N, C-alpha and C. Protein backbone atom coordinates (compact mmCIF):
# COMPACT_ATOMS: atom_id res chain seq x y z
N MET A 1 66.12 270.16 82.03
CA MET A 1 67.68 269.66 82.72
C MET A 1 67.80 269.23 84.46
N SER A 2 68.28 268.30 84.06
CA SER A 2 67.93 267.48 85.79
C SER A 2 68.43 268.06 86.69
N LYS A 3 68.35 267.94 88.07
CA LYS A 3 69.22 268.53 89.28
C LYS A 3 70.07 267.43 90.15
N VAL A 4 71.05 267.71 90.46
CA VAL A 4 71.61 267.39 91.35
C VAL A 4 71.53 267.23 92.60
N ARG A 5 71.22 265.56 93.10
CA ARG A 5 71.18 265.70 94.71
C ARG A 5 72.36 265.81 95.38
N ASN A 6 72.38 266.00 96.50
CA ASN A 6 73.79 266.26 97.21
C ASN A 6 73.08 265.11 98.04
N GLN A 7 74.50 264.31 98.41
CA GLN A 7 74.91 263.35 98.80
C GLN A 7 76.33 263.67 99.84
N PHE A 8 75.41 263.50 101.49
CA PHE A 8 75.65 263.96 102.44
C PHE A 8 76.20 262.59 103.64
N THR A 9 78.00 262.52 103.43
CA THR A 9 78.11 261.27 104.25
C THR A 9 77.48 261.20 105.57
N THR A 10 77.81 260.01 106.45
CA THR A 10 77.39 260.07 108.13
C THR A 10 78.25 260.97 109.35
N GLU A 11 79.66 260.59 108.55
CA GLU A 11 80.33 261.77 109.04
C GLU A 11 80.14 263.16 109.10
N PHE A 12 79.70 263.54 107.86
CA PHE A 12 79.66 264.78 107.99
C PHE A 12 78.53 265.04 108.38
N LYS A 13 77.29 264.32 108.92
CA LYS A 13 75.72 264.70 109.57
C LYS A 13 75.81 264.98 111.01
N GLN A 14 77.23 263.54 111.38
CA GLN A 14 77.42 263.76 112.73
C GLN A 14 77.71 264.51 112.99
N GLU A 15 78.83 265.33 112.50
CA GLU A 15 79.43 266.56 112.96
C GLU A 15 77.94 267.77 112.54
N CYS A 16 77.55 268.09 112.15
CA CYS A 16 76.31 268.48 112.08
C CYS A 16 75.94 268.94 113.44
N VAL A 17 75.44 267.61 113.27
CA VAL A 17 74.40 267.68 114.81
C VAL A 17 74.97 267.64 116.00
N ASN A 18 76.68 267.23 116.63
CA ASN A 18 77.31 267.73 117.03
C ASN A 18 77.25 268.98 117.12
N LEU A 19 78.22 269.69 116.17
CA LEU A 19 78.01 271.40 116.72
C LEU A 19 76.71 271.57 117.63
N VAL A 20 75.46 271.46 117.04
CA VAL A 20 74.19 271.90 118.10
C VAL A 20 73.72 270.94 118.64
N VAL A 21 73.70 269.77 119.16
CA VAL A 21 73.64 269.03 120.37
C VAL A 21 74.97 269.13 121.40
N ASN A 22 75.97 269.75 121.04
CA ASN A 22 77.06 268.97 121.95
C ASN A 22 77.47 271.02 122.02
N GLN A 23 78.13 271.78 120.98
CA GLN A 23 78.47 272.66 121.30
C GLN A 23 77.63 273.85 121.12
N GLY A 24 76.30 274.07 121.30
CA GLY A 24 75.24 274.43 121.68
C GLY A 24 75.11 275.67 120.21
N TYR A 25 75.37 275.12 119.42
CA TYR A 25 75.14 276.26 118.54
C TYR A 25 73.46 276.39 117.88
N GLY A 26 72.70 277.26 117.20
CA GLY A 26 71.65 276.93 116.70
C GLY A 26 71.98 275.91 115.68
N ILE A 27 70.02 275.40 115.27
CA ILE A 27 70.26 274.94 113.82
C ILE A 27 70.77 276.11 112.58
N ALA A 28 70.00 276.24 112.89
CA ALA A 28 69.94 277.48 111.59
C ALA A 28 71.65 278.32 111.04
N GLN A 29 72.08 278.49 112.31
CA GLN A 29 73.94 279.00 112.20
C GLN A 29 74.40 278.09 112.07
N VAL A 30 74.73 276.76 112.06
CA VAL A 30 74.97 275.63 111.83
C VAL A 30 75.00 275.11 110.03
N ALA A 31 73.65 274.85 109.87
CA ALA A 31 73.27 274.97 109.02
C ALA A 31 73.75 276.23 107.32
N SER A 32 73.88 277.17 107.89
CA SER A 32 74.56 278.20 107.34
C SER A 32 76.32 278.50 107.02
N ALA A 33 76.73 277.96 108.37
CA ALA A 33 78.31 277.82 108.19
C ALA A 33 78.84 276.33 107.32
N MET A 34 77.61 275.67 107.30
CA MET A 34 78.32 273.91 106.71
C MET A 34 77.49 274.26 105.41
N GLN A 35 76.74 275.51 105.11
CA GLN A 35 76.33 275.51 103.34
C GLN A 35 75.14 274.08 103.05
N VAL A 36 74.33 273.90 104.36
CA VAL A 36 73.53 273.02 104.30
C VAL A 36 71.45 273.29 104.84
N GLY A 37 71.03 272.79 104.45
CA GLY A 37 69.46 273.73 104.18
C GLY A 37 68.61 273.58 105.13
N LEU A 38 68.25 274.42 105.87
CA LEU A 38 67.46 274.48 107.26
C LEU A 38 66.94 272.76 107.49
N SER A 39 66.53 273.07 106.29
CA SER A 39 65.16 271.47 106.60
C SER A 39 66.53 270.43 107.06
N PHE A 40 67.28 269.99 106.28
CA PHE A 40 68.40 269.07 106.69
C PHE A 40 68.38 269.29 107.57
N MET A 41 69.08 270.06 108.36
CA MET A 41 70.10 270.11 109.57
C MET A 41 68.79 270.02 110.46
N GLN A 42 67.49 270.18 110.64
CA GLN A 42 66.13 269.78 111.65
C GLN A 42 65.73 268.51 111.71
N ARG A 43 66.05 267.82 110.53
CA ARG A 43 65.83 266.37 110.26
C ARG A 43 66.88 265.61 110.45
N TRP A 44 67.79 265.87 110.22
CA TRP A 44 69.18 265.24 111.47
C TRP A 44 69.23 265.31 112.89
N VAL A 45 68.65 266.38 112.98
CA VAL A 45 69.07 266.75 114.85
C VAL A 45 67.76 266.36 115.29
N GLY A 46 66.70 265.87 114.51
CA GLY A 46 65.96 265.24 115.25
C GLY A 46 66.20 263.81 114.96
N GLN A 47 66.07 263.38 114.42
CA GLN A 47 66.65 261.85 114.14
C GLN A 47 67.91 261.23 114.75
N TYR A 48 68.36 262.35 115.38
CA TYR A 48 69.51 261.93 116.58
C TYR A 48 69.14 262.27 117.61
N LYS A 49 68.32 262.76 117.90
CA LYS A 49 67.34 262.65 119.29
C LYS A 49 66.31 261.75 119.29
N GLN A 50 66.26 261.50 118.64
CA GLN A 50 65.44 260.60 118.55
C GLN A 50 65.93 258.93 118.68
N GLU A 51 67.56 258.49 118.47
CA GLU A 51 67.86 257.64 118.26
C GLU A 51 68.69 257.58 119.73
N ILE A 52 69.03 258.72 120.15
CA ILE A 52 69.76 259.03 121.86
C ILE A 52 68.00 257.92 122.62
N LYS A 53 66.71 258.30 122.39
CA LYS A 53 66.18 258.12 123.15
C LYS A 53 65.71 256.03 123.04
N GLY A 54 66.54 255.67 122.26
CA GLY A 54 66.32 254.38 121.76
C GLY A 54 65.40 253.96 120.17
N VAL A 55 64.94 255.30 120.11
CA VAL A 55 64.02 255.08 118.66
C VAL A 55 64.83 254.35 117.21
N THR A 56 64.06 253.27 116.72
CA THR A 56 65.55 252.82 115.63
C THR A 56 65.00 253.81 114.44
N PRO A 57 66.04 254.37 113.65
CA PRO A 57 65.68 255.16 112.59
C PRO A 57 65.22 254.46 111.07
N LEU A 58 64.50 254.84 110.52
CA LEU A 58 64.09 254.46 108.73
C LEU A 58 65.54 255.09 108.45
N ALA A 59 65.88 256.08 108.46
CA ALA A 59 67.34 256.70 107.50
C ALA A 59 68.91 256.00 108.17
N ARG A 60 69.46 256.65 107.55
CA ARG A 60 71.13 255.55 107.91
C ARG A 60 71.15 256.45 109.31
N ALA A 61 71.33 255.44 110.27
CA ALA A 61 71.49 255.81 111.92
C ALA A 61 72.76 256.41 111.69
N PHE A 62 72.41 257.46 112.89
CA PHE A 62 73.79 258.50 113.40
C PHE A 62 74.84 257.82 114.45
N THR A 63 73.80 257.66 115.82
CA THR A 63 75.09 256.65 116.45
C THR A 63 75.32 255.45 116.30
N PRO A 64 76.25 255.35 117.19
CA PRO A 64 76.86 253.93 116.79
C PRO A 64 75.50 252.81 117.49
N GLU A 65 75.29 252.95 118.69
CA GLU A 65 74.21 251.70 119.09
C GLU A 65 73.07 251.65 117.62
N GLN A 66 72.64 252.51 117.51
CA GLN A 66 71.28 252.29 116.13
C GLN A 66 72.41 251.53 115.10
N GLN A 67 73.52 252.15 114.95
CA GLN A 67 74.14 251.45 113.62
C GLN A 67 74.54 249.85 113.68
N ARG A 68 74.85 249.60 114.76
CA ARG A 68 75.03 248.39 115.63
C ARG A 68 73.67 247.16 115.29
N ILE A 69 72.19 247.75 115.64
CA ILE A 69 71.13 247.46 115.49
C ILE A 69 70.74 247.34 113.96
N LYS A 70 70.36 248.45 113.17
CA LYS A 70 69.99 248.36 111.93
C LYS A 70 70.68 247.46 111.30
N PRO A 71 70.26 246.67 110.27
CA PRO A 71 70.68 246.08 109.54
C PRO A 71 71.76 246.39 108.53
């Protein structure tokens, strides 16, 4: 039996990250409320923090600046 893999939109990821970074909620709290795995949330928040420092991500970018840079 094959496992179905979740696909999250960039907008959904941005909303989750916004709740942690700008609204002050904890990563575990947001992960639970949005029904997302804790490791996903940690990865998304970490990626966002790297992007605002100017690091180009390997995955799909969150910030508009990085989205313009990445082909």
